[in-house]
Amino acid sequence: MKNGILDILKGKFLVSGDAPKNWLFIIFASFLATAMIASSHSADTKVIQIANLNDEVQELRSQFVDVHKDVQRLKLESTIKTTLEKKELYASEVPPKKIKVKSINKISGR
């Protein structure tokens, strides 16, 4: 048991008769570890990117609500009235009259 652990620590398994098999396994294990680290890094990057996009969406929704509120306020009749009064335009005191147009078809008899 002691010799087995000592041989591993000295690296004798890398230079013994079965060394090519051991080297292939070490290269394969190194490749898998590299692929796992790259995959983990890619996933972390995407999680951070998603979090940033969610923050941006919340900010844009907040801006939309603020602008929509301002637009609704500007559309109010009282707001329009005060804006026009500053420009010295006032509402007509005479109510509008309805204009009736006779159809061309009724006049020509069709």
PDB file of N, CA and C in Angstrom:
ATOM      1  N   MET A   1       0.824  -1.186   0.000  1.00  0.00           N
ATOM      2  CA  MET A   1       0.000   0.000   0.000  1.00  0.00           C
ATOM      3  C   MET A   1       0.870   1.252   0.000  1.00  0.00           C
ATOM      4  N   LYS A   2       1.914   1.216   0.877  1.00  0.00           N
ATOM      5  CA  LYS A   2       2.801   2.353   0.996  1.00  0.00           C
ATOM      6  C   LYS A   2       3.581   2.572  -0.300  1.00  0.00           C
ATOM      7  N   ASN A   3       3.989   1.484  -0.943  1.00  0.00           N
ATOM      8  CA  ASN A   3       4.728   1.596  -2.205  1.00  0.00           C
ATOM      9  C   ASN A   3       3.841   2.158  -3.321  1.00  0.00           C
ATOM     10  N   GLY A   4       2.558   1.774  -3.335  1.00  0.00           N
ATOM     11  CA  GLY A   4       1.630   2.265  -4.368  1.00  0.00           C
ATOM     12  C   GLY A   4       1.447   3.776  -4.303  1.00  0.00           C
ATOM     13  N   ILE A   5       1.261   4.292  -3.093  1.00  0.00           N
ATOM     14  CA  ILE A   5       1.078   5.741  -2.934  1.00  0.00           C
ATOM     15  C   ILE A   5       2.382   6.463  -3.237  1.00  0.00           C
ATOM     16  N   LEU A   6       3.483   5.886  -2.801  1.00  0.00           N
ATOM     17  CA  LEU A   6       4.800   6.483  -3.044  1.00  0.00           C
ATOM     18  C   LEU A   6       5.116   6.508  -4.537  1.00  0.00           C
ATOM     19  N   ASP A   7       4.744   5.439  -5.261  1.00  0.00           N
ATOM     20  CA  ASP A   7       4.968   5.399  -6.710  1.00  0.00           C
ATOM     21  C   ASP A   7       4.138   6.465  -7.426  1.00  0.00           C
ATOM     22  N   ILE A   8       2.907   6.681  -6.970  1.00  0.00           N
ATOM     23  CA  ILE A   8       2.052   7.715  -7.581  1.00  0.00           C
ATOM     24  C   ILE A   8       2.635   9.092  -7.327  1.00  0.00           C
ATOM     25  N   LEU A   9       3.093   9.333  -6.084  1.00  0.00           N
ATOM     26  CA  LEU A   9       3.675  10.634  -5.758  1.00  0.00           C
ATOM     27  C   LEU A   9       4.970  10.897  -6.534  1.00  0.00           C
ATOM     28  N   LYS A  10       5.755   9.874  -6.770  1.00  0.00           N
ATOM     29  CA  LYS A  10       6.998  10.015  -7.536  1.00  0.00           C
ATOM     30  C   LYS A  10       6.730  10.123  -9.037  1.00  0.00           C
ATOM     31  N   GLY A  11       5.542   9.701  -9.470  1.00  0.00           N
ATOM     32  CA  GLY A  11       5.190   9.780 -10.887  1.00  0.00           C
ATOM     33  C   GLY A  11       5.691   8.602 -11.689  1.00  0.00           C
ATOM     34  N   LYS A  12       5.908   7.477 -11.056  1.00  0.00           N
ATOM     35  CA  LYS A  12       6.418   6.304 -11.764  1.00  0.00           C
ATOM     36  C   LYS A  12       5.396   5.765 -12.769  1.00  0.00           C
ATOM     37  N   PHE A  13       4.125   6.047 -12.547  1.00  0.00           N
ATOM     38  CA  PHE A  13       3.110   5.550 -13.486  1.00  0.00           C
ATOM     39  C   PHE A  13       3.210   6.259 -14.836  1.00  0.00           C
ATOM     40  N   LEU A  14       3.929   7.379 -14.883  1.00  0.00           N
ATOM     41  CA  LEU A  14       4.082   8.105 -16.142  1.00  0.00           C
ATOM     42  C   LEU A  14       5.231   7.566 -16.994  1.00  0.00           C
ATOM     43  N   VAL A  15       6.140   6.839 -16.389  1.00  0.00           N
ATOM     44  CA  VAL A  15       7.295   6.338 -17.130  1.00  0.00           C
ATOM     45  C   VAL A  15       7.359   4.817 -17.159  1.00  0.00           C
ATOM     46  N   SER A  16       6.396   4.130 -16.590  1.00  0.00           N
ATOM     47  CA  SER A  16       6.406   2.662 -16.565  1.00  0.00           C
ATOM     48  C   SER A  16       6.018   2.124 -17.941  1.00  0.00           C
ATOM     49  N   GLY A  17       5.851   0.822 -18.043  1.00  0.00           N
ATOM     50  CA  GLY A  17       5.530   0.157 -19.315  1.00  0.00           C
ATOM     51  C   GLY A  17       4.171   0.557 -19.872  1.00  0.00           C
ATOM     52  N   ASP A  18       3.185   0.847 -19.011  1.00  0.00           N
ATOM     53  CA  ASP A  18       1.841   1.238 -19.477  1.00  0.00           C
ATOM     54  C   ASP A  18       1.687   2.761 -19.555  1.00  0.00           C
ATOM     55  N   ALA A  19       2.764   3.472 -19.702  1.00  0.00           N
ATOM     56  CA  ALA A  19       2.737   4.942 -19.687  1.00  0.00           C
ATOM     57  C   ALA A  19       1.843   5.550 -20.778  1.00  0.00           C
ATOM     58  N   PRO A  20       1.876   5.043 -22.030  1.00  0.00           N
ATOM     59  CA  PRO A  20       1.011   5.666 -23.052  1.00  0.00           C
ATOM     60  C   PRO A  20      -0.470   5.625 -22.677  1.00  0.00           C
ATOM     61  N   LYS A  21      -0.890   4.523 -22.071  1.00  0.00           N
ATOM     62  CA  LYS A  21      -2.293   4.430 -21.646  1.00  0.00           C
ATOM     63  C   LYS A  21      -2.573   5.471 -20.555  1.00  0.00           C
ATOM     64  N   ASN A  22      -1.640   5.614 -19.621  1.00  0.00           N
ATOM     65  CA  ASN A  22      -1.812   6.600 -18.553  1.00  0.00           C
ATOM     66  C   ASN A  22      -1.798   8.026 -19.106  1.00  0.00           C
ATOM     67  N   TRP A  23      -0.910   8.311 -20.049  1.00  0.00           N
ATOM     68  CA  TRP A  23      -0.844   9.642 -20.630  1.00  0.00           C
ATOM     69  C   TRP A  23      -2.141   9.971 -21.379  1.00  0.00           C
ATOM     70  N   LEU A  24      -2.669   9.014 -22.115  1.00  0.00           N
ATOM     71  CA  LEU A  24      -3.933   9.256 -22.830  1.00  0.00           C
ATOM     72  C   LEU A  24      -5.063   9.579 -21.853  1.00  0.00           C
ATOM     73  N   PHE A  25      -5.086   8.837 -20.741  1.00  0.00           N
ATOM     74  CA  PHE A  25      -6.136   9.120 -19.750  1.00  0.00           C
ATOM     75  C   PHE A  25      -5.950  10.507 -19.141  1.00  0.00           C
ATOM     76  N   ILE A  26      -4.722  10.902 -18.839  1.00  0.00           N
ATOM     77  CA  ILE A  26      -4.450  12.222 -18.257  1.00  0.00           C
ATOM     78  C   ILE A  26      -4.834  13.325 -19.243  1.00  0.00           C
ATOM     79  N   ILE A  27      -4.495  13.141 -20.505  1.00  0.00           N
ATOM     80  CA  ILE A  27      -4.871  14.139 -21.521  1.00  0.00           C
ATOM     81  C   ILE A  27      -6.386  14.216 -21.651  1.00  0.00           C
ATOM     82  N   PHE A  28      -7.046  13.053 -21.659  1.00  0.00           N
ATOM     83  CA  PHE A  28      -8.505  13.031 -21.750  1.00  0.00           C
ATOM     84  C   PHE A  28      -9.140  13.724 -20.544  1.00  0.00           C
ATOM     85  N   ALA A  29      -8.641  13.430 -19.334  1.00  0.00           N
ATOM     86  CA  ALA A  29      -9.171  14.055 -18.114  1.00  0.00           C
ATOM     87  C   ALA A  29      -8.918  15.567 -18.127  1.00  0.00           C
ATOM     88  N   SER A  30      -7.758  15.988 -18.634  1.00  0.00           N
ATOM     89  CA  SER A  30      -7.454  17.422 -18.732  1.00  0.00           C
ATOM     90  C   SER A  30      -8.403  18.112 -19.714  1.00  0.00           C
ATOM     91  N   PHE A  31      -8.663  17.436 -20.846  1.00  0.00           N
ATOM     92  CA  PHE A  31      -9.598  17.996 -21.827  1.00  0.00           C
ATOM     93  C   PHE A  31     -10.998  18.145 -21.225  1.00  0.00           C
ATOM     94  N   LEU A  32     -11.451  17.124 -20.504  1.00  0.00           N
ATOM     95  CA  LEU A  32     -12.774  17.199 -19.881  1.00  0.00           C
ATOM     96  C   LEU A  32     -12.831  18.311 -18.835  1.00  0.00           C
ATOM     97  N   ALA A  33     -11.775  18.477 -18.051  1.00  0.00           N
ATOM     98  CA  ALA A  33     -11.747  19.535 -17.040  1.00  0.00           C
ATOM     99  C   ALA A  33     -11.778  20.909 -17.714  1.00  0.00           C
ATOM    100  N   THR A  34     -11.035  21.064 -18.801  1.00  0.00           N
ATOM    101  CA  THR A  34     -11.029  22.335 -19.537  1.00  0.00           C
ATOM    102  C   THR A  34     -12.415  22.624 -20.117  1.00  0.00           C
ATOM    103  N   ALA A  35     -13.043  21.610 -20.689  1.00  0.00           N
ATOM    104  CA  ALA A  35     -14.390  21.794 -21.252  1.00  0.00           C
ATOM    105  C   ALA A  35     -15.382  22.160 -20.154  1.00  0.00           C
ATOM    106  N   MET A  36     -15.266  21.545 -18.993  1.00  0.00           N
ATOM    107  CA  MET A  36     -16.176  21.843 -17.887  1.00  0.00           C
ATOM    108  C   MET A  36     -15.976  23.277 -17.391  1.00  0.00           C
ATOM    109  N   ILE A  37     -14.744  23.718 -17.275  1.00  0.00           N
ATOM    110  CA  ILE A  37     -14.458  25.088 -16.830  1.00  0.00           C
ATOM    111  C   ILE A  37     -14.987  26.092 -17.848  1.00  0.00           C
ATOM    112  N   ALA A  38     -14.781  25.822 -19.141  1.00  0.00           N
ATOM    113  CA  ALA A  38     -15.272  26.722 -20.186  1.00  0.00           C
ATOM    114  C   ALA A  38     -16.796  26.792 -20.175  1.00  0.00           C
ATOM    115  N   SER A  39     -17.443  25.661 -20.001  1.00  0.00           N
ATOM    116  CA  SER A  39     -18.904  25.622 -19.956  1.00  0.00           C
ATOM    117  C   SER A  39     -19.437  26.397 -18.749  1.00  0.00           C
ATOM    118  N   SER A  40     -18.796  26.222 -17.620  1.00  0.00           N
ATOM    119  CA  SER A  40     -19.203  26.933 -16.411  1.00  0.00           C
ATOM    120  C   SER A  40     -19.021  28.436 -16.585  1.00  0.00           C
ATOM    121  N   HIS A  41     -17.908  28.842 -17.190  1.00  0.00           N
ATOM    122  CA  HIS A  41     -17.656  30.266 -17.415  1.00  0.00           C
ATOM    123  C   HIS A  41     -18.701  30.848 -18.372  1.00  0.00           C
ATOM    124  N   SER A  42     -19.027  30.102 -19.411  1.00  0.00           N
ATOM    125  CA  SER A  42     -20.038  30.555 -20.375  1.00  0.00           C
ATOM    126  C   SER A  42     -21.405  30.705 -19.704  1.00  0.00           C
ATOM    127  N   ALA A  43     -21.760  29.749 -18.857  1.00  0.00           N
ATOM    128  CA  ALA A  43     -23.045  29.827 -18.152  1.00  0.00           C
ATOM    129  C   ALA A  43     -23.073  31.020 -17.203  1.00  0.00           C
ATOM    130  N   ASP A  44     -21.982  31.267 -16.494  1.00  0.00           N
ATOM    131  CA  ASP A  44     -21.926  32.424 -15.592  1.00  0.00           C
ATOM    132  C   ASP A  44     -22.062  33.725 -16.367  1.00  0.00           C
ATOM    133  N   THR A  45     -21.398  33.807 -17.508  1.00  0.00           N
ATOM    134  CA  THR A  45     -21.486  35.004 -18.338  1.00  0.00           C
ATOM    135  C   THR A  45     -22.922  35.244 -18.796  1.00  0.00           C
ATOM    136  N   LYS A  46     -23.612  34.182 -19.196  1.00  0.00           N
ATOM    137  CA  LYS A  46     -24.995  34.324 -19.658  1.00  0.00           C
ATOM    138  C   LYS A  46     -25.930  34.711 -18.517  1.00  0.00           C
ATOM    139  N   VAL A  47     -25.689  34.188 -17.327  1.00  0.00           N
ATOM    140  CA  VAL A  47     -26.513  34.559 -16.170  1.00  0.00           C
ATOM    141  C   VAL A  47     -26.346  36.040 -15.857  1.00  0.00           C
ATOM    142  N   ILE A  48     -25.112  36.521 -15.907  1.00  0.00           N
ATOM    143  CA  ILE A  48     -24.859  37.949 -15.658  1.00  0.00           C
ATOM    144  C   ILE A  48     -25.514  38.796 -16.744  1.00  0.00           C
ATOM    145  N   GLN A  49     -25.427  38.354 -17.975  1.00  0.00           N
ATOM    146  CA  GLN A  49     -26.035  39.093 -19.091  1.00  0.00           C
ATOM    147  C   GLN A  49     -27.557  39.136 -18.944  1.00  0.00           C
ATOM    148  N   ILE A  50     -28.162  38.034 -18.539  1.00  0.00           N
ATOM    149  CA  ILE A  50     -29.622  37.998 -18.338  1.00  0.00           C
ATOM    150  C   ILE A  50     -30.022  38.937 -17.205  1.00  0.00           C
ATOM    151  N   ALA A  51     -29.254  38.954 -16.138  1.00  0.00           N
ATOM    152  CA  ALA A  51     -29.556  39.848 -15.012  1.00  0.00           C
ATOM    153  C   ALA A  51     -29.470  41.312 -15.447  1.00  0.00           C
ATOM    154  N   ASN A  52     -28.454  41.645 -16.246  1.00  0.00           N
ATOM    155  CA  ASN A  52     -28.327  43.024 -16.743  1.00  0.00           C
ATOM    156  C   ASN A  52     -29.495  43.393 -17.649  1.00  0.00           C
ATOM    157  N   LEU A  53     -29.916  42.467 -18.501  1.00  0.00           N
ATOM    158  CA  LEU A  53     -31.054  42.730 -19.391  1.00  0.00           C
ATOM    159  C   LEU A  53     -32.352  42.888 -18.600  1.00  0.00           C
ATOM    160  N   ASN A  54     -32.528  42.103 -17.546  1.00  0.00           N
ATOM    161  CA  ASN A  54     -33.719  42.249 -16.705  1.00  0.00           C
ATOM    162  C   ASN A  54     -33.743  43.608 -16.024  1.00  0.00           C
ATOM    163  N   ASP A  55     -32.582  44.076 -15.558  1.00  0.00           N
ATOM    164  CA  ASP A  55     -32.513  45.408 -14.961  1.00  0.00           C
ATOM    165  C   ASP A  55     -32.869  46.486 -15.983  1.00  0.00           C
ATOM    166  N   GLU A  56     -32.375  46.313 -17.200  1.00  0.00           N
ATOM    167  CA  GLU A  56     -32.662  47.288 -18.251  1.00  0.00           C
ATOM    168  C   GLU A  56     -34.158  47.290 -18.606  1.00  0.00           C
ATOM    169  N   VAL A  57     -34.762  46.112 -18.650  1.00  0.00           N
ATOM    170  CA  VAL A  57     -36.196  46.018 -18.946  1.00  0.00           C
ATOM    171  C   VAL A  57     -37.007  46.720 -17.859  1.00  0.00           C
ATOM    172  N   GLN A  58     -36.650  46.512 -16.602  1.00  0.00           N
ATOM    173  CA  GLN A  58     -37.369  47.176 -15.509  1.00  0.00           C
ATOM    174  C   GLN A  58     -37.220  48.692 -15.609  1.00  0.00           C
ATOM    175  N   GLU A  59     -36.023  49.154 -15.949  1.00  0.00           N
ATOM    176  CA  GLU A  59     -35.807  50.594 -16.081  1.00  0.00           C
ATOM    177  C   GLU A  59     -36.629  51.167 -17.230  1.00  0.00           C
ATOM    178  N   LEU A  60     -36.665  50.451 -18.358  1.00  0.00           N
ATOM    179  CA  LEU A  60     -37.433  50.919 -19.506  1.00  0.00           C
ATOM    180  C   LEU A  60     -38.932  50.894 -19.222  1.00  0.00           C
ATOM    181  N   ARG A  61     -39.408  49.898 -18.488  1.00  0.00           N
ATOM    182  CA  ARG A  61     -40.825  49.872 -18.104  1.00  0.00           C
ATOM    183  C   ARG A  61     -41.166  51.062 -17.218  1.00  0.00           C
ATOM    184  N   SER A  62     -40.272  51.376 -16.304  1.00  0.00           N
ATOM    185  CA  SER A  62     -40.482  52.525 -15.426  1.00  0.00           C
ATOM    186  C   SER A  62     -40.539  53.814 -16.242  1.00  0.00           C
ATOM    187  N   GLN A  63     -39.629  53.957 -17.192  1.00  0.00           N
ATOM    188  CA  GLN A  63     -39.650  55.136 -18.062  1.00  0.00           C
ATOM    189  C   GLN A  63     -40.940  55.187 -18.873  1.00  0.00           C
ATOM    190  N   PHE A  64     -41.385  54.038 -19.367  1.00  0.00           N
ATOM    191  CA  PHE A  64     -42.623  53.997 -20.146  1.00  0.00           C
ATOM    192  C   PHE A  64     -43.807  54.470 -19.310  1.00  0.00           C
ATOM    193  N   VAL A  65     -43.884  53.998 -18.070  1.00  0.00           N
ATOM    194  CA  VAL A  65     -44.992  54.390 -17.196  1.00  0.00           C
ATOM    195  C   VAL A  65     -44.950  55.896 -16.932  1.00  0.00           C
ATOM    196  N   ASP A  66     -43.767  56.435 -16.701  1.00  0.00           N
ATOM    197  CA  ASP A  66     -43.635  57.868 -16.448  1.00  0.00           C
ATOM    198  C   ASP A  66     -44.058  58.682 -17.668  1.00  0.00           C
ATOM    199  N   VAL A  67     -43.593  58.291 -18.828  1.00  0.00           N
ATOM    200  CA  VAL A  67     -43.935  59.027 -20.050  1.00  0.00           C
ATOM    201  C   VAL A  67     -45.414  58.889 -20.357  1.00  0.00           C
ATOM    202  N   HIS A  68     -45.966  57.681 -20.161  1.00  0.00           N
ATOM    203  CA  HIS A  68     -47.396  57.474 -20.417  1.00  0.00           C
ATOM    204  C   HIS A  68     -48.245  58.351 -19.489  1.00  0.00           C
ATOM    205  N   LYS A  69     -47.829  58.454 -18.240  1.00  0.00           N
ATOM    206  CA  LYS A  69     -48.537  59.306 -17.280  1.00  0.00           C
ATOM    207  C   LYS A  69     -48.495  60.768 -17.728  1.00  0.00           C
ATOM    208  N   ASP A  70     -47.319  61.210 -18.191  1.00  0.00           N
ATOM    209  CA  ASP A  70     -47.193  62.592 -18.656  1.00  0.00           C
ATOM    210  C   ASP A  70     -48.059  62.850 -19.890  1.00  0.00           C
ATOM    211  N   VAL A  71     -48.094  61.900 -20.799  1.00  0.00           N
ATOM    212  CA  VAL A  71     -48.907  62.053 -22.007  1.00  0.00           C
ATOM    213  C   VAL A  71     -50.389  62.107 -21.640  1.00  0.00           C
ATOM    214  N   GLN A  72     -50.828  61.254 -20.740  1.00  0.00           N
ATOM    215  CA  GLN A  72     -52.229  61.267 -20.315  1.00  0.00           C
ATOM    216  C   GLN A  72     -52.587  62.606 -19.674  1.00  0.00           C
ATOM    217  N   ARG A  73     -51.659  63.147 -18.899  1.00  0.00           N
ATOM    218  CA  ARG A  73     -51.905  64.445 -18.253  1.00  0.00           C
ATOM    219  C   ARG A  73     -51.986  65.549 -19.306  1.00  0.00           C
ATOM    220  N   LEU A  74     -51.128  65.491 -20.325  1.00  0.00           N
ATOM    221  CA  LEU A  74     -51.131  66.512 -21.370  1.00  0.00           C
ATOM    222  C   LEU A  74     -52.381  66.430 -22.251  1.00  0.00           C
ATOM    223  N   LYS A  75     -53.008  65.265 -22.333  1.00  0.00           N
ATOM    224  CA  LYS A  75     -54.210  65.099 -23.150  1.00  0.00           C
ATOM    225  C   LYS A  75     -55.474  65.615 -22.465  1.00  0.00           C
ATOM    226  N   LEU A  76     -55.392  65.916 -21.194  1.00  0.00           N
ATOM    227  CA  LEU A  76     -56.580  66.386 -20.476  1.00  0.00           C
ATOM    228  C   LEU A  76     -57.057  67.717 -21.038  1.00  0.00           C
ATOM    229  N   GLU A  77     -58.375  67.883 -21.058  1.00  0.00           N
ATOM    230  CA  GLU A  77     -58.958  69.105 -21.602  1.00  0.00           C
ATOM    231  C   GLU A  77     -58.499  70.328 -20.813  1.00  0.00           C
ATOM    232  N   SER A  78     -58.411  70.212 -19.519  1.00  0.00           N
ATOM    233  CA  SER A  78     -58.002  71.359 -18.702  1.00  0.00           C
ATOM    234  C   SER A  78     -56.563  71.777 -19.022  1.00  0.00           C
ATOM    235  N   THR A  79     -55.683  70.820 -19.264  1.00  0.00           N
ATOM    236  CA  THR A  79     -54.299  71.142 -19.611  1.00  0.00           C
ATOM    237  C   THR A  79     -54.229  71.823 -20.970  1.00  0.00           C
ATOM    238  N   ILE A  80     -55.005  71.308 -21.915  1.00  0.00           N
ATOM    239  CA  ILE A  80     -55.032  71.911 -23.249  1.00  0.00           C
ATOM    240  C   ILE A  80     -55.591  73.324 -23.166  1.00  0.00           C
ATOM    241  N   LYS A  81     -56.632  73.504 -22.372  1.00  0.00           N
ATOM    242  CA  LYS A  81     -57.259  74.808 -22.227  1.00  0.00           C
ATOM    243  C   LYS A  81     -56.277  75.831 -21.651  1.00  0.00           C
ATOM    244  N   THR A  82     -55.547  75.466 -20.608  1.00  0.00           N
ATOM    245  CA  THR A  82     -54.593  76.417 -20.018  1.00  0.00           C
ATOM    246  C   THR A  82     -53.439  76.707 -20.972  1.00  0.00           C
ATOM    247  N   THR A  83     -53.009  75.721 -21.724  1.00  0.00           N
ATOM    248  CA  THR A  83     -51.929  75.940 -22.697  1.00  0.00           C
ATOM    249  C   THR A  83     -52.383  76.900 -23.788  1.00  0.00           C
ATOM    250  N   LEU A  84     -53.612  76.724 -24.273  1.00  0.00           N
ATOM    251  CA  LEU A  84     -54.124  77.600 -25.320  1.00  0.00           C
ATOM    252  C   LEU A  84     -54.411  78.996 -24.792  1.00  0.00           C
ATOM    253  N   GLU A  85     -54.815  79.113 -23.539  1.00  0.00           N
ATOM    254  CA  GLU A  85     -55.064  80.441 -22.965  1.00  0.00           C
ATOM    255  C   GLU A  85     -53.769  81.237 -22.858  1.00  0.00           C
ATOM    256  N   LYS A  86     -52.658  80.565 -22.615  1.00  0.00           N
ATOM    257  CA  LYS A  86     -51.368  81.259 -22.588  1.00  0.00           C
ATOM    258  C   LYS A  86     -51.020  81.828 -23.961  1.00  0.00           C
ATOM    259  N   LYS A  87     -51.520  81.181 -25.020  1.00  0.00           N
ATOM    260  CA  LYS A  87     -51.297  81.655 -26.389  1.00  0.00           C
ATOM    261  C   LYS A  87     -52.436  82.549 -26.863  1.00  0.00           C
ATOM    262  N   GLU A  88     -53.303  82.907 -25.941  1.00  0.00           N
ATOM    263  CA  GLU A  88     -54.452  83.781 -26.187  1.00  0.00           C
ATOM    264  C   GLU A  88     -55.429  83.186 -27.190  1.00  0.00           C
ATOM    265  N   LEU A  89     -55.651  81.902 -27.086  1.00  0.00           N
ATOM    266  CA  LEU A  89     -56.685  81.215 -27.854  1.00  0.00           C
ATOM    267  C   LEU A  89     -57.720  80.717 -26.860  1.00  0.00           C
ATOM    268  N   TYR A  90     -58.991  81.033 -27.144  1.00  0.00           N
ATOM    269  CA  TYR A  90     -60.050  80.672 -26.201  1.00  0.00           C
ATOM    270  C   TYR A  90     -61.103  79.833 -26.903  1.00  0.00           C
ATOM    271  N   ALA A  91     -61.858  79.105 -26.124  1.00  0.00           N
ATOM    272  CA  ALA A  91     -62.943  78.287 -26.667  1.00  0.00           C
ATOM    273  C   ALA A  91     -64.057  79.193 -27.156  1.00  0.00           C
ATOM    274  N   SER A  92     -64.736  78.772 -28.195  1.00  0.00           N
ATOM    275  CA  SER A  92     -65.830  79.554 -28.764  1.00  0.00           C
ATOM    276  C   SER A  92     -67.026  79.552 -27.815  1.00  0.00           C
ATOM    277  N   GLU A  93     -67.653  80.701 -27.685  1.00  0.00           N
ATOM    278  CA  GLU A  93     -68.839  80.785 -26.833  1.00  0.00           C
ATOM    279  C   GLU A  93     -70.092  80.400 -27.608  1.00  0.00           C
ATOM    280  N   VAL A  94     -70.018  80.430 -28.922  1.00  0.00           N
ATOM    281  CA  VAL A  94     -71.140  80.051 -29.770  1.00  0.00           C
ATOM    282  C   VAL A  94     -71.002  78.563 -30.074  1.00  0.00           C
ATOM    283  N   PRO A  95     -72.045  77.791 -29.773  1.00  0.00           N
ATOM    284  CA  PRO A  95     -71.935  76.354 -30.037  1.00  0.00           C
ATOM    285  C   PRO A  95     -71.864  76.085 -31.545  1.00  0.00           C
ATOM    286  N   PRO A  96     -71.270  75.028 -31.936  1.00  0.00           N
ATOM    287  CA  PRO A  96     -71.151  74.718 -33.368  1.00  0.00           C
ATOM    288  C   PRO A  96     -72.502  74.321 -33.954  1.00  0.00           C
ATOM    289  N   LYS A  97     -72.647  74.584 -35.230  1.00  0.00           N
ATOM    290  CA  LYS A  97     -73.878  74.206 -35.929  1.00  0.00           C
ATOM    291  C   LYS A  97     -73.577  73.013 -36.815  1.00  0.00           C
ATOM    292  N   LYS A  98     -74.575  72.162 -36.927  1.00  0.00           N
ATOM    293  CA  LYS A  98     -74.424  70.965 -37.741  1.00  0.00           C
ATOM    294  C   LYS A  98     -74.743  71.320 -39.185  1.00  0.00           C
ATOM    295  N   ILE A  99     -73.870  70.935 -40.082  1.00  0.00           N
ATOM    296  CA  ILE A  99     -74.064  71.220 -41.501  1.00  0.00           C
ATOM    297  C   ILE A  99     -74.545  69.935 -42.152  1.00  0.00           C
ATOM    298  N   LYS A 100     -75.672  70.031 -42.847  1.00  0.00           N
ATOM    299  CA  LYS A 100     -76.214  68.877 -43.549  1.00  0.00           C
ATOM    300  C   LYS A 100     -75.920  69.031 -45.035  1.00  0.00           C
ATOM    301  N   VAL A 101     -75.365  68.000 -45.629  1.00  0.00           N
ATOM    302  CA  VAL A 101     -75.048  68.008 -47.048  1.00  0.00           C
ATOM    303  C   VAL A 101     -75.976  67.016 -47.719  1.00  0.00           C
ATOM    304  N   LYS A 102     -76.640  67.481 -48.752  1.00  0.00           N
ATOM    305  CA  LYS A 102     -77.514  66.585 -49.499  1.00  0.00           C
ATOM    306  C   LYS A 102     -76.665  65.700 -50.386  1.00  0.00           C
ATOM    307  N   SER A 103     -77.037  64.473 -50.475  1.00  0.00           N
ATOM    308  CA  SER A 103     -76.295  63.514 -51.281  1.00  0.00           C
ATOM    309  C   SER A 103     -76.508  63.821 -52.762  1.00  0.00           C
ATOM    310  N   ILE A 104     -75.513  63.586 -53.566  1.00  0.00           N
ATOM    311  CA  ILE A 104     -75.596  63.792 -55.012  1.00  0.00           C
ATOM    312  C   ILE A 104     -76.602  62.827 -55.603  1.00  0.00           C
ATOM    313  N   ASN A 105     -76.691  61.631 -55.055  1.00  0.00           N
ATOM    314  CA  ASN A 105     -77.617  60.626 -55.571  1.00  0.00           C
ATOM    315  C   ASN A 105     -79.065  61.081 -55.401  1.00  0.00           C
ATOM    316  N   LYS A 106     -79.391  61.758 -54.315  1.00  0.00           N
ATOM    317  CA  LYS A 106     -80.768  62.218 -54.093  1.00  0.00           C
ATOM    318  C   LYS A 106     -81.110  63.357 -55.050  1.00  0.00           C
ATOM    319  N   ILE A 107     -80.146  64.192 -55.382  1.00  0.00           N
ATOM    320  CA  ILE A 107     -80.415  65.343 -56.248  1.00  0.00           C
ATOM    321  C   ILE A 107     -80.635  64.865 -57.683  1.00  0.00           C
ATOM    322  N   SER A 108     -79.817  63.970 -58.164  1.00  0.00           N
ATOM    323  CA  SER A 108     -79.921  63.548 -59.560  1.00  0.00           C
ATOM    324  C   SER A 108     -81.004  62.486 -59.752  1.00  0.00           C
ATOM    325  N   GLY A 109     -81.553  61.937 -58.667  1.00  0.00           N
ATOM    326  CA  GLY A 109     -82.639  60.974 -58.778  1.00  0.00           C
ATOM    327  C   GLY A 109     -82.189  59.541 -58.974  1.00  0.00           C
ATOM    328  N   ARG A 110     -81.039  59.240 -58.679  1.00  0.00           N
ATOM    329  CA  ARG A 110     -80.543  57.860 -58.824  1.00  0.00           C
ATOM    330  C   ARG A 110     -80.832  57.027 -57.654  1.00  0.00           C
TER     331      ARG A 110
END
